[in-house]
PDB file of N, CA and C in Angstrom:
ATOM      1  N   MET A   1       0.846  -1.182   0.000  1.00  0.00           N
ATOM      2  CA  MET A   1       0.000   0.000   0.000  1.00  0.00           C
ATOM      3  C   MET A   1       0.883   1.234   0.000  1.00  0.00           C
ATOM      4  N   GLY A   2       0.781   1.995  -1.086  1.00  0.00           N
ATOM      5  CA  GLY A   2       1.584   3.191  -1.222  1.00  0.00           C
ATOM      6  C   GLY A   2       0.781   4.449  -0.970  1.00  0.00           C
ATOM      7  N   PRO A   3       1.351   5.589  -1.345  1.00  0.00           N
ATOM      8  CA  PRO A   3       0.693   6.877  -1.132  1.00  0.00           C
ATOM      9  C   PRO A   3      -0.665   6.989  -1.827  1.00  0.00           C
ATOM     10  N   SER A   4      -0.776   6.410  -3.022  1.00  0.00           N
ATOM     11  CA  SER A   4      -2.048   6.459  -3.740  1.00  0.00           C
ATOM     12  C   SER A   4      -3.145   5.744  -2.960  1.00  0.00           C
ATOM     13  N   THR A   5      -2.820   4.593  -2.430  1.00  0.00           N
ATOM     14  CA  THR A   5      -3.792   3.819  -1.658  1.00  0.00           C
ATOM     15  C   THR A   5      -4.207   4.567  -0.400  1.00  0.00           C
ATOM     16  N   ALA A   6      -3.253   5.147   0.279  1.00  0.00           N
ATOM     17  CA  ALA A   6      -3.561   5.906   1.495  1.00  0.00           C
ATOM     18  C   ALA A   6      -4.436   7.114   1.173  1.00  0.00           C
ATOM     19  N   ASP A   7      -4.146   7.789   0.059  1.00  0.00           N
ATOM     20  CA  ASP A   7      -4.938   8.951  -0.332  1.00  0.00           C
ATOM     21  C   ASP A   7      -6.366   8.541  -0.687  1.00  0.00           C
ATOM     22  N   VAL A   8      -6.510   7.434  -1.376  1.00  0.00           N
ATOM     23  CA  VAL A   8      -7.843   6.946  -1.730  1.00  0.00           C
ATOM     24  C   VAL A   8      -8.640   6.640  -0.466  1.00  0.00           C
ATOM     25  N   ARG A   9      -8.010   6.007   0.480  1.00  0.00           N
ATOM     26  CA  ARG A   9      -8.701   5.703   1.742  1.00  0.00           C
ATOM     27  C   ARG A   9      -9.187   6.978   2.425  1.00  0.00           C
ATOM     28  N   LYS A  10      -8.362   8.014   2.431  1.00  0.00           N
ATOM     29  CA  LYS A  10      -8.763   9.295   3.038  1.00  0.00           C
ATOM     30  C   LYS A  10      -9.967   9.882   2.313  1.00  0.00           C
ATOM     31  N   ARG A  11      -9.948   9.791   0.989  1.00  0.00           N
ATOM     32  CA  ARG A  11     -11.065  10.336   0.207  1.00  0.00           C
ATOM     33  C   ARG A  11     -12.347   9.544   0.444  1.00  0.00           C
ATOM     34  N   TYR A  12     -12.231   8.237   0.544  1.00  0.00           N
ATOM     35  CA  TYR A  12     -13.410   7.432   0.853  1.00  0.00           C
ATOM     36  C   TYR A  12     -13.985   7.862   2.201  1.00  0.00           C
ATOM     37  N   ALA A  13     -13.128   7.993   3.192  1.00  0.00           N
ATOM     38  CA  ALA A  13     -13.588   8.374   4.535  1.00  0.00           C
ATOM     39  C   ALA A  13     -14.222   9.764   4.529  1.00  0.00           C
ATOM     40  N   ALA A  14     -13.629  10.700   3.795  1.00  0.00           N
ATOM     41  CA  ALA A  14     -14.178  12.061   3.731  1.00  0.00           C
ATOM     42  C   ALA A  14     -15.576  12.080   3.120  1.00  0.00           C
ATOM     43  N   ALA A  15     -15.850  11.115   2.246  1.00  0.00           N
ATOM     44  CA  ALA A  15     -17.168  11.027   1.614  1.00  0.00           C
ATOM     45  C   ALA A  15     -18.130  10.165   2.416  1.00  0.00           C
ATOM     46  N   GLY A  16     -17.650   9.599   3.519  1.00  0.00           N
ATOM     47  CA  GLY A  16     -18.493   8.757   4.349  1.00  0.00           C
ATOM     48  C   GLY A  16     -18.579   7.318   3.869  1.00  0.00           C
ATOM     49  N   VAL A  17     -17.594   6.884   3.104  1.00  0.00           N
ATOM     50  CA  VAL A  17     -17.577   5.529   2.557  1.00  0.00           C
ATOM     51  C   VAL A  17     -16.538   4.705   3.316  1.00  0.00           C
ATOM     52  N   ALA A  18     -16.929   3.531   3.731  1.00  0.00           N
ATOM     53  CA  ALA A  18     -16.009   2.614   4.415  1.00  0.00           C
ATOM     54  C   ALA A  18     -15.798   1.389   3.537  1.00  0.00           C
ATOM     55  N   VAL A  19     -14.573   0.915   3.476  1.00  0.00           N
ATOM     56  CA  VAL A  19     -14.260  -0.303   2.741  1.00  0.00           C
ATOM     57  C   VAL A  19     -14.582  -1.489   3.641  1.00  0.00           C
ATOM     58  N   SER A  20     -15.343  -2.416   3.119  1.00  0.00           N
ATOM     59  CA  SER A  20     -15.727  -3.597   3.879  1.00  0.00           C
ATOM     60  C   SER A  20     -14.489  -4.381   4.324  1.00  0.00           C
ATOM     61  N   LYS A  21     -14.548  -4.919   5.516  1.00  0.00           N
ATOM     62  CA  LYS A  21     -13.454  -5.758   6.008  1.00  0.00           C
ATOM     63  C   LYS A  21     -13.304  -7.024   5.158  1.00  0.00           C
ATOM     64  N   ASN A  22     -14.354  -7.395   4.439  1.00  0.00           N
ATOM     65  CA  ASN A  22     -14.326  -8.579   3.586  1.00  0.00           C
ATOM     66  C   ASN A  22     -13.731  -8.300   2.211  1.00  0.00           C
ATOM     67  N   TYR A  23     -13.502  -7.044   1.895  1.00  0.00           N
ATOM     68  CA  TYR A  23     -12.943  -6.684   0.592  1.00  0.00           C
ATOM     69  C   TYR A  23     -11.455  -7.033   0.592  1.00  0.00           C
ATOM     70  N   LYS A  24     -11.030  -7.852  -0.354  1.00  0.00           N
ATOM     71  CA  LYS A  24      -9.663  -8.388  -0.348  1.00  0.00           C
ATOM     72  C   LYS A  24      -8.684  -7.618  -1.228  1.00  0.00           C
ATOM     73  N   ASP A  25      -9.166  -6.841  -2.194  1.00  0.00           N
ATOM     74  CA  ASP A  25      -8.264  -6.076  -3.054  1.00  0.00           C
ATOM     75  C   ASP A  25      -7.879  -4.758  -2.389  1.00  0.00           C
ATOM     76  N   LEU A  26      -6.932  -4.074  -2.999  1.00  0.00           N
ATOM     77  CA  LEU A  26      -6.537  -2.757  -2.496  1.00  0.00           C
ATOM     78  C   LEU A  26      -7.659  -1.744  -2.733  1.00  0.00           C
ATOM     79  N   PRO A  27      -7.770  -0.749  -1.856  1.00  0.00           N
ATOM     80  CA  PRO A  27      -8.820   0.259  -2.010  1.00  0.00           C
ATOM     81  C   PRO A  27      -8.722   1.057  -3.314  1.00  0.00           C
ATOM     82  N   ASP A  28      -7.529   1.071  -3.936  1.00  0.00           N
ATOM     83  CA  ASP A  28      -7.415   1.811  -5.201  1.00  0.00           C
ATOM     84  C   ASP A  28      -7.485   0.900  -6.427  1.00  0.00           C
ATOM     85  N   HIS A  29      -8.056  -0.291  -6.255  1.00  0.00           N
ATOM     86  CA  HIS A  29      -8.334  -1.173  -7.389  1.00  0.00           C
ATOM     87  C   HIS A  29      -9.352  -0.467  -8.285  1.00  0.00           C
ATOM     88  N   VAL A  30      -9.259  -0.666  -9.582  1.00  0.00           N
ATOM     89  CA  VAL A  30     -10.133   0.024 -10.527  1.00  0.00           C
ATOM     90  C   VAL A  30     -11.613  -0.198 -10.193  1.00  0.00           C
ATOM     91  N   ALA A  31     -11.982  -1.400  -9.781  1.00  0.00           N
ATOM     92  CA  ALA A  31     -13.378  -1.667  -9.450  1.00  0.00           C
ATOM     93  C   ALA A  31     -13.831  -0.839  -8.251  1.00  0.00           C
ATOM     94  N   ALA A  32     -12.984  -0.732  -7.240  1.00  0.00           N
ATOM     95  CA  ALA A  32     -13.330   0.058  -6.060  1.00  0.00           C
ATOM     96  C   ALA A  32     -13.416   1.542  -6.405  1.00  0.00           C
ATOM     97  N   GLU A  33     -12.491   2.011  -7.221  1.00  0.00           N
ATOM     98  CA  GLU A  33     -12.515   3.425  -7.600  1.00  0.00           C
ATOM     99  C   GLU A  33     -13.753   3.755  -8.433  1.00  0.00           C
ATOM    100  N   MET A  34     -14.164   2.842  -9.291  1.00  0.00           N
ATOM    101  CA  MET A  34     -15.363   3.096 -10.087  1.00  0.00           C
ATOM    102  C   MET A  34     -16.617   3.034  -9.219  1.00  0.00           C
ATOM    103  N   GLU A  35     -16.634   2.152  -8.247  1.00  0.00           N
ATOM    104  CA  GLU A  35     -17.755   2.105  -7.310  1.00  0.00           C
ATOM    105  C   GLU A  35     -17.832   3.406  -6.513  1.00  0.00           C
ATOM    106  N   PHE A  36     -16.692   3.939  -6.140  1.00  0.00           N
ATOM    107  CA  PHE A  36     -16.646   5.219  -5.430  1.00  0.00           C
ATOM    108  C   PHE A  36     -17.181   6.338  -6.320  1.00  0.00           C
ATOM    109  N   MET A  37     -16.775   6.344  -7.588  1.00  0.00           N
ATOM    110  CA  MET A  37     -17.297   7.360  -8.512  1.00  0.00           C
ATOM    111  C   MET A  37     -18.813   7.232  -8.659  1.00  0.00           C
ATOM    112  N   HIS A  38     -19.305   6.011  -8.706  1.00  0.00           N
ATOM    113  CA  HIS A  38     -20.755   5.799  -8.760  1.00  0.00           C
ATOM    114  C   HIS A  38     -21.421   6.440  -7.552  1.00  0.00           C
ATOM    115  N   PHE A  39     -20.863   6.203  -6.383  1.00  0.00           N
ATOM    116  CA  PHE A  39     -21.405   6.772  -5.159  1.00  0.00           C
ATOM    117  C   PHE A  39     -21.419   8.296  -5.228  1.00  0.00           C
ATOM    118  N   LEU A  40     -20.291   8.893  -5.626  1.00  0.00           N
ATOM    119  CA  LEU A  40     -20.212  10.357  -5.688  1.00  0.00           C
ATOM    120  C   LEU A  40     -21.213  10.929  -6.688  1.00  0.00           C
ATOM    121  N   CYS A  41     -21.308  10.325  -7.860  1.00  0.00           N
ATOM    122  CA  CYS A  41     -22.247  10.794  -8.883  1.00  0.00           C
ATOM    123  C   CYS A  41     -23.689  10.656  -8.406  1.00  0.00           C
ATOM    124  N   PHE A  42     -23.992   9.538  -7.767  1.00  0.00           N
ATOM    125  CA  PHE A  42     -25.338   9.304  -7.248  1.00  0.00           C
ATOM    126  C   PHE A  42     -25.697  10.354  -6.204  1.00  0.00           C
ATOM    127  N   GLU A  43     -24.777  10.607  -5.286  1.00  0.00           N
ATOM    128  CA  GLU A  43     -25.040  11.586  -4.228  1.00  0.00           C
ATOM    129  C   GLU A  43     -25.203  12.988  -4.815  1.00  0.00           C
ATOM    130  N   GLU A  44     -24.357  13.351  -5.760  1.00  0.00           N
ATOM    131  CA  GLU A  44     -24.500  14.665  -6.393  1.00  0.00           C
ATOM    132  C   GLU A  44     -25.875  14.796  -7.041  1.00  0.00           C
ATOM    133  N   SER A  45     -26.257  13.789  -7.802  1.00  0.00           N
ATOM    134  CA  SER A  45     -27.550  13.817  -8.486  1.00  0.00           C
ATOM    135  C   SER A  45     -28.705  13.896  -7.495  1.00  0.00           C
ATOM    136  N   LYS A  46     -28.619  13.122  -6.425  1.00  0.00           N
ATOM    137  CA  LYS A  46     -29.665  13.123  -5.400  1.00  0.00           C
ATOM    138  C   LYS A  46     -29.827  14.525  -4.805  1.00  0.00           C
ATOM    139  N   PHE A  47     -28.728  15.158  -4.451  1.00  0.00           N
ATOM    140  CA  PHE A  47     -28.812  16.484  -3.844  1.00  0.00           C
ATOM    141  C   PHE A  47     -29.283  17.534  -4.843  1.00  0.00           C
ATOM    142  N   ARG A  48     -28.920  17.399  -6.112  1.00  0.00           N
ATOM    143  CA  ARG A  48     -29.430  18.337  -7.126  1.00  0.00           C
ATOM    144  C   ARG A  48     -30.939  18.205  -7.258  1.00  0.00           C
ATOM    145  N   ARG A  49     -31.446  16.962  -7.279  1.00  0.00           N
ATOM    146  CA  ARG A  49     -32.896  16.753  -7.371  1.00  0.00           C
ATOM    147  C   ARG A  49     -33.616  17.329  -6.161  1.00  0.00           C
ATOM    148  N   GLN A  50     -32.973  17.283  -5.001  1.00  0.00           N
ATOM    149  CA  GLN A  50     -33.572  17.815  -3.773  1.00  0.00           C
ATOM    150  C   GLN A  50     -33.434  19.335  -3.672  1.00  0.00           C
ATOM    151  N   GLY A  51     -32.678  19.931  -4.597  1.00  0.00           N
ATOM    152  CA  GLY A  51     -32.464  21.367  -4.557  1.00  0.00           C
ATOM    153  C   GLY A  51     -31.392  21.801  -3.571  1.00  0.00           C
ATOM    154  N   ASN A  52     -30.594  20.886  -3.102  1.00  0.00           N
ATOM    155  CA  ASN A  52     -29.538  21.189  -2.141  1.00  0.00           C
ATOM    156  C   ASN A  52     -28.231  21.393  -2.913  1.00  0.00           C
ATOM    157  N   GLN A  53     -28.068  22.592  -3.444  1.00  0.00           N
ATOM    158  CA  GLN A  53     -26.909  22.884  -4.289  1.00  0.00           C
ATOM    159  C   GLN A  53     -25.588  22.798  -3.528  1.00  0.00           C
ATOM    160  N   GLU A  54     -25.612  23.165  -2.264  1.00  0.00           N
ATOM    161  CA  GLU A  54     -24.373  23.132  -1.478  1.00  0.00           C
ATOM    162  C   GLU A  54     -23.813  21.707  -1.387  1.00  0.00           C
ATOM    163  N   GLN A  55     -24.672  20.753  -1.044  1.00  0.00           N
ATOM    164  CA  GLN A  55     -24.221  19.371  -0.954  1.00  0.00           C
ATOM    165  C   GLN A  55     -23.906  18.802  -2.344  1.00  0.00           C
ATOM    166  N   ALA A  56     -24.690  19.182  -3.346  1.00  0.00           N
ATOM    167  CA  ALA A  56     -24.425  18.727  -4.713  1.00  0.00           C
ATOM    168  C   ALA A  56     -23.039  19.180  -5.160  1.00  0.00           C
ATOM    169  N   GLU A  57     -22.702  20.415  -4.882  1.00  0.00           N
ATOM    170  CA  GLU A  57     -21.386  20.932  -5.274  1.00  0.00           C
ATOM    171  C   GLU A  57     -20.272  20.290  -4.452  1.00  0.00           C
ATOM    172  N   ARG A  58     -20.566  19.941  -3.223  1.00  0.00           N
ATOM    173  CA  ARG A  58     -19.569  19.236  -2.396  1.00  0.00           C
ATOM    174  C   ARG A  58     -19.195  17.908  -3.060  1.00  0.00           C
ATOM    175  N   TYR A  59     -20.207  17.137  -3.443  1.00  0.00           N
ATOM    176  CA  TYR A  59     -19.929  15.846  -4.079  1.00  0.00           C
ATOM    177  C   TYR A  59     -19.331  16.019  -5.468  1.00  0.00           C
ATOM    178  N   CYS A  60     -19.765  17.029  -6.185  1.00  0.00           N
ATOM    179  CA  CYS A  60     -19.180  17.308  -7.497  1.00  0.00           C
ATOM    180  C   CYS A  60     -17.697  17.646  -7.353  1.00  0.00           C
ATOM    181  N   GLY A  61     -17.354  18.390  -6.339  1.00  0.00           N
ATOM    182  CA  GLY A  61     -15.954  18.711  -6.081  1.00  0.00           C
ATOM    183  C   GLY A  61     -15.136  17.471  -5.772  1.00  0.00           C
ATOM    184  N   MET A  62     -15.735  16.538  -5.027  1.00  0.00           N
ATOM    185  CA  MET A  62     -15.035  15.285  -4.738  1.00  0.00           C
ATOM    186  C   MET A  62     -14.849  14.479  -6.022  1.00  0.00           C
ATOM    187  N   GLU A  63     -15.868  14.482  -6.884  1.00  0.00           N
ATOM    188  CA  GLU A  63     -15.751  13.806  -8.184  1.00  0.00           C
ATOM    189  C   GLU A  63     -14.593  14.402  -8.988  1.00  0.00           C
ATOM    190  N   ARG A  64     -14.605  15.718  -9.087  1.00  0.00           N
ATOM    191  CA  ARG A  64     -13.577  16.427  -9.864  1.00  0.00           C
ATOM    192  C   ARG A  64     -12.178  16.104  -9.356  1.00  0.00           C
ATOM    193  N   ASP A  65     -11.997  16.213  -8.056  1.00  0.00           N
ATOM    194  CA  ASP A  65     -10.683  15.958  -7.480  1.00  0.00           C
ATOM    195  C   ASP A  65     -10.268  14.501  -7.663  1.00  0.00           C
ATOM    196  N   PHE A  66     -11.213  13.589  -7.509  1.00  0.00           N
ATOM    197  CA  PHE A  66     -10.888  12.168  -7.645  1.00  0.00           C
ATOM    198  C   PHE A  66     -10.534  11.826  -9.091  1.00  0.00           C
ATOM    199  N   ILE A  67     -11.300  12.354 -10.021  1.00  0.00           N
ATOM    200  CA  ILE A  67     -10.991  12.123 -11.451  1.00  0.00           C
ATOM    201  C   ILE A  67      -9.604  12.669 -11.765  1.00  0.00           C
ATOM    202  N   GLN A  68      -9.360  13.908 -11.388  1.00  0.00           N
ATOM    203  CA  GLN A  68      -8.084  14.550 -11.733  1.00  0.00           C
ATOM    204  C   GLN A  68      -6.893  13.882 -11.054  1.00  0.00           C
ATOM    205  N   ASP A  69      -7.055  13.508  -9.791  1.00  0.00           N
ATOM    206  CA  ASP A  69      -5.930  12.981  -9.016  1.00  0.00           C
ATOM    207  C   ASP A  69      -5.737  11.476  -9.149  1.00  0.00           C
ATOM    208  N   HIS A  70      -6.825  10.741  -9.417  1.00  0.00           N
ATOM    209  CA  HIS A  70      -6.703   9.278  -9.396  1.00  0.00           C
ATOM    210  C   HIS A  70      -7.068   8.592 -10.699  1.00  0.00           C
ATOM    211  N   LEU A  71      -8.095   9.005 -11.371  1.00  0.00           N
ATOM    212  CA  LEU A  71      -8.502   8.266 -12.567  1.00  0.00           C
ATOM    213  C   LEU A  71      -7.862   8.777 -13.853  1.00  0.00           C
ATOM    214  N   ALA A  72      -7.917  10.058 -14.079  1.00  0.00           N
ATOM    215  CA  ALA A  72      -7.425  10.616 -15.349  1.00  0.00           C
ATOM    216  C   ALA A  72      -5.973  10.253 -15.653  1.00  0.00           C
ATOM    217  N   PRO A  73      -5.085  10.228 -14.665  1.00  0.00           N
ATOM    218  CA  PRO A  73      -3.683   9.946 -14.994  1.00  0.00           C
ATOM    219  C   PRO A  73      -3.419   8.549 -15.576  1.00  0.00           C
ATOM    220  N   TRP A  74      -4.299   7.581 -15.353  1.00  0.00           N
ATOM    221  CA  TRP A  74      -3.965   6.225 -15.780  1.00  0.00           C
ATOM    222  C   TRP A  74      -5.084   5.443 -16.444  1.00  0.00           C
ATOM    223  N   VAL A  75      -6.329   5.872 -16.306  1.00  0.00           N
ATOM    224  CA  VAL A  75      -7.445   5.017 -16.716  1.00  0.00           C
ATOM    225  C   VAL A  75      -7.492   4.766 -18.228  1.00  0.00           C
ATOM    226  N   THR A  76      -7.143   5.745 -19.044  1.00  0.00           N
ATOM    227  CA  THR A  76      -7.156   5.523 -20.492  1.00  0.00           C
ATOM    228  C   THR A  76      -6.084   4.523 -20.896  1.00  0.00           C
ATOM    229  N   ASP A  77      -4.891   4.662 -20.342  1.00  0.00           N
ATOM    230  CA  ASP A  77      -3.829   3.693 -20.638  1.00  0.00           C
ATOM    231  C   ASP A  77      -4.223   2.287 -20.181  1.00  0.00           C
ATOM    232  N   PHE A  78      -4.846   2.203 -19.024  1.00  0.00           N
ATOM    233  CA  PHE A  78      -5.301   0.912 -18.512  1.00  0.00           C
ATOM    234  C   PHE A  78      -6.321   0.285 -19.459  1.00  0.00           C
ATOM    235  N   ALA A  79      -7.311   1.072 -19.862  1.00  0.00           N
ATOM    236  CA  ALA A  79      -8.341   0.566 -20.774  1.00  0.00           C
ATOM    237  C   ALA A  79      -7.737   0.158 -22.114  1.00  0.00           C
ATOM    238  N   ASP A  80      -6.808   0.961 -22.620  1.00  0.00           N
ATOM    239  CA  ASP A  80      -6.141   0.611 -23.881  1.00  0.00           C
ATOM    240  C   ASP A  80      -5.362  -0.695 -23.746  1.00  0.00           C
ATOM    241  N   CYS A  81      -4.738  -0.916 -22.611  1.00  0.00           N
ATOM    242  CA  CYS A  81      -4.010  -2.160 -22.367  1.00  0.00           C
ATOM    243  C   CYS A  81      -4.971  -3.350 -22.367  1.00  0.00           C
ATOM    244  N   VAL A  82      -6.107  -3.183 -21.732  1.00  0.00           N
ATOM    245  CA  VAL A  82      -7.116  -4.250 -21.724  1.00  0.00           C
ATOM    246  C   VAL A  82      -7.567  -4.533 -23.157  1.00  0.00           C
ATOM    247  N   LEU A  83      -7.855  -3.479 -23.904  1.00  0.00           N
ATOM    248  CA  LEU A  83      -8.297  -3.655 -25.292  1.00  0.00           C
ATOM    249  C   LEU A  83      -7.261  -4.371 -26.146  1.00  0.00           C
ATOM    250  N   ALA A  84      -5.994  -4.106 -25.885  1.00  0.00           N
ATOM    251  CA  ALA A  84      -4.922  -4.702 -26.684  1.00  0.00           C
ATOM    252  C   ALA A  84      -4.614  -6.142 -26.296  1.00  0.00           C
ATOM    253  N   THR A  85      -5.035  -6.560 -25.121  1.00  0.00           N
ATOM    254  CA  THR A  85      -4.606  -7.878 -24.644  1.00  0.00           C
ATOM    255  C   THR A  85      -5.731  -8.883 -24.447  1.00  0.00           C
ATOM    256  N   THR A  86      -6.955  -8.518 -24.729  1.00  0.00           N
ATOM    257  CA  THR A  86      -8.050  -9.467 -24.517  1.00  0.00           C
ATOM    258  C   THR A  86      -8.822  -9.711 -25.807  1.00  0.00           C
ATOM    259  N   ASN A  87      -9.379 -10.888 -25.897  1.00  0.00           N
ATOM    260  CA  ASN A  87     -10.308 -11.212 -26.978  1.00  0.00           C
ATOM    261  C   ASN A  87     -11.736 -11.289 -26.462  1.00  0.00           C
ATOM    262  N   SER A  88     -11.890 -11.075 -25.175  1.00  0.00           N
ATOM    263  CA  SER A  88     -13.196 -11.181 -24.537  1.00  0.00           C
ATOM    264  C   SER A  88     -14.075  -9.980 -24.886  1.00  0.00           C
ATOM    265  N   PRO A  89     -15.223 -10.221 -25.494  1.00  0.00           N
ATOM    266  CA  PRO A  89     -16.132  -9.102 -25.767  1.00  0.00           C
ATOM    267  C   PRO A  89     -16.548  -8.367 -24.494  1.00  0.00           C
ATOM    268  N   PHE A  90     -16.718  -9.107 -23.394  1.00  0.00           N
ATOM    269  CA  PHE A  90     -17.097  -8.479 -22.131  1.00  0.00           C
ATOM    270  C   PHE A  90     -16.039  -7.470 -21.687  1.00  0.00           C
ATOM    271  N   TYR A  91     -14.773  -7.887 -21.651  1.00  0.00           N
ATOM    272  CA  TYR A  91     -13.714  -6.993 -21.188  1.00  0.00           C
ATOM    273  C   TYR A  91     -13.441  -5.862 -22.176  1.00  0.00           C
ATOM    274  N   LYS A  92     -13.628  -6.126 -23.457  1.00  0.00           N
ATOM    275  CA  LYS A  92     -13.498  -5.043 -24.445  1.00  0.00           C
ATOM    276  C   LYS A  92     -14.577  -3.990 -24.210  1.00  0.00           C
ATOM    277  N   ASP A  93     -15.815  -4.449 -24.013  1.00  0.00           N
ATOM    278  CA  ASP A  93     -16.903  -3.508 -23.741  1.00  0.00           C
ATOM    279  C   ASP A  93     -16.678  -2.754 -22.432  1.00  0.00           C
ATOM    280  N   ALA A  94     -16.226  -3.462 -21.410  1.00  0.00           N
ATOM    281  CA  ALA A  94     -15.961  -2.816 -20.116  1.00  0.00           C
ATOM    282  C   ALA A  94     -14.863  -1.766 -20.254  1.00  0.00           C
ATOM    283  N   ALA A  95     -13.811  -2.070 -21.004  1.00  0.00           N
ATOM    284  CA  ALA A  95     -12.715  -1.110 -21.197  1.00  0.00           C
ATOM    285  C   ALA A  95     -13.200   0.113 -21.970  1.00  0.00           C
ATOM    286  N   ASN A  96     -13.990  -0.104 -23.004  1.00  0.00           N
ATOM    287  CA  ASN A  96     -14.533   1.034 -23.760  1.00  0.00           C
ATOM    288  C   ASN A  96     -15.472   1.878 -22.906  1.00  0.00           C
ATOM    289  N   LEU A  97     -16.282   1.223 -22.096  1.00  0.00           N
ATOM    290  CA  LEU A  97     -17.179   1.945 -21.189  1.00  0.00           C
ATOM    291  C   LEU A  97     -16.381   2.767 -20.182  1.00  0.00           C
ATOM    292  N   LEU A  98     -15.326   2.189 -19.655  1.00  0.00           N
ATOM    293  CA  LEU A  98     -14.461   2.897 -18.709  1.00  0.00           C
ATOM    294  C   LEU A  98     -13.874   4.154 -19.348  1.00  0.00           C
ATOM    295  N   LYS A  99     -13.367   4.013 -20.562  1.00  0.00           N
ATOM    296  CA  LYS A  99     -12.788   5.170 -21.261  1.00  0.00           C
ATOM    297  C   LYS A  99     -13.845   6.241 -21.501  1.00  0.00           C
ATOM    298  N   GLU A 100     -15.021   5.835 -21.951  1.00  0.00           N
ATOM    299  CA  GLU A 100     -16.083   6.798 -22.239  1.00  0.00           C
ATOM    300  C   GLU A 100     -16.575   7.484 -20.968  1.00  0.00           C
ATOM    301  N   PHE A 101     -16.694   6.728 -19.886  1.00  0.00           N
ATOM    302  CA  PHE A 101     -17.109   7.331 -18.628  1.00  0.00           C
ATOM    303  C   PHE A 101     -16.107   8.390 -18.187  1.00  0.00           C
ATOM    304  N   ALA A 102     -14.832   8.043 -18.204  1.00  0.00           N
ATOM    305  CA  ALA A 102     -13.801   8.985 -17.770  1.00  0.00           C
ATOM    306  C   ALA A 102     -13.815  10.235 -18.641  1.00  0.00           C
ATOM    307  N   LYS A 103     -13.918  10.057 -19.950  1.00  0.00           N
ATOM    308  CA  LYS A 103     -13.962  11.196 -20.874  1.00  0.00           C
ATOM    309  C   LYS A 103     -15.199  12.059 -20.604  1.00  0.00           C
ATOM    310  N   SER A 104     -16.329  11.412 -20.430  1.00  0.00           N
ATOM    311  CA  SER A 104     -17.575  12.134 -20.164  1.00  0.00           C
ATOM    312  C   SER A 104     -17.512  12.887 -18.843  1.00  0.00           C
ATOM    313  N   GLU A 105     -16.983  12.237 -17.827  1.00  0.00           N
ATOM    314  CA  GLU A 105     -16.914  12.856 -16.502  1.00  0.00           C
ATOM    315  C   GLU A 105     -15.954  14.033 -16.488  1.00  0.00           C
ATOM    316  N   VAL A 106     -14.823  13.905 -17.164  1.00  0.00           N
ATOM    317  CA  VAL A 106     -13.884  15.028 -17.263  1.00  0.00           C
ATOM    318  C   VAL A 106     -14.563  16.199 -17.969  1.00  0.00           C
ATOM    319  N   GLY A 107     -15.306  15.910 -19.039  1.00  0.00           N
ATOM    320  CA  GLY A 107     -16.045  16.964 -19.737  1.00  0.00           C
ATOM    321  C   GLY A 107     -17.099  17.608 -18.856  1.00  0.00           C
ATOM    322  N   TYR A 108     -17.812  16.793 -18.106  1.00  0.00           N
ATOM    323  CA  TYR A 108     -18.863  17.282 -17.224  1.00  0.00           C
ATOM    324  C   TYR A 108     -18.300  18.228 -16.165  1.00  0.00           C
ATOM    325  N   ILE A 109     -17.230  17.814 -15.511  1.00  0.00           N
ATOM    326  CA  ILE A 109     -16.695  18.658 -14.442  1.00  0.00           C
ATOM    327  C   ILE A 109     -16.003  19.886 -15.003  1.00  0.00           C
ATOM    328  N   SER A 110     -15.530  19.805 -16.247  1.00  0.00           N
ATOM    329  CA  SER A 110     -14.882  20.964 -16.874  1.00  0.00           C
ATOM    330  C   SER A 110     -15.892  22.025 -17.280  1.00  0.00           C
ATOM    331  N   GLU A 111     -17.131  21.600 -17.526  1.00  0.00           N
ATOM    332  CA  GLU A 111     -18.192  22.526 -17.943  1.00  0.00           C
ATOM    333  C   GLU A 111     -18.863  23.218 -16.780  1.00  0.00           C
ATOM    334  N   GLY A 112     -18.455  22.923 -15.574  1.00  0.00           N
ATOM    335  CA  GLY A 112     -19.044  23.589 -14.425  1.00  0.00           C
ATOM    336  C   GLY A 112     -20.076  22.734 -13.715  1.00  0.00           C
ATOM    337  N   SER A 113     -20.372  21.573 -14.256  1.00  0.00           N
ATOM    338  CA  SER A 113     -21.218  20.554 -13.625  1.00  0.00           C
ATOM    339  C   SER A 113     -22.587  21.056 -13.202  1.00  0.00           C
ATOM    340  N   THR A 114     -23.225  21.871 -13.979  1.00  0.00           N
ATOM    341  CA  THR A 114     -24.578  22.268 -13.649  1.00  0.00           C
ATOM    342  C   THR A 114     -25.550  21.475 -14.512  1.00  0.00           C
ATOM    343  N   GLU A 115     -26.646  21.055 -13.913  1.00  0.00           N
ATOM    344  CA  GLU A 115     -27.657  20.305 -14.655  1.00  0.00           C
ATOM    345  C   GLU A 115     -28.683  21.233 -15.214  1.00  0.00           C
TER     346      GLU A 115
END
């Protein structure tokens, strides 16, 4: 567990997310990071629907920081590696979805994230 893992754990805790004691992978595994992004996006959307802009912007800020600090630096290369090394349609689709999500999310947070 290096600095990235420790930072991810801090971000999870700041958002009120705890890693299950039964979870065997590192907290910065791609699956865990994507689950965290799901949580942040869900919470932002929920607060926007409720009209609570302050909380919506709080979660949007966490999304932005997490994308910039943890996902954007490596996720496209990771997805490209998966695409280059698998023949599995499932993993090819998952890698393409990962790339599109990251691209879409970076665009969303760059536009000011207003619905």
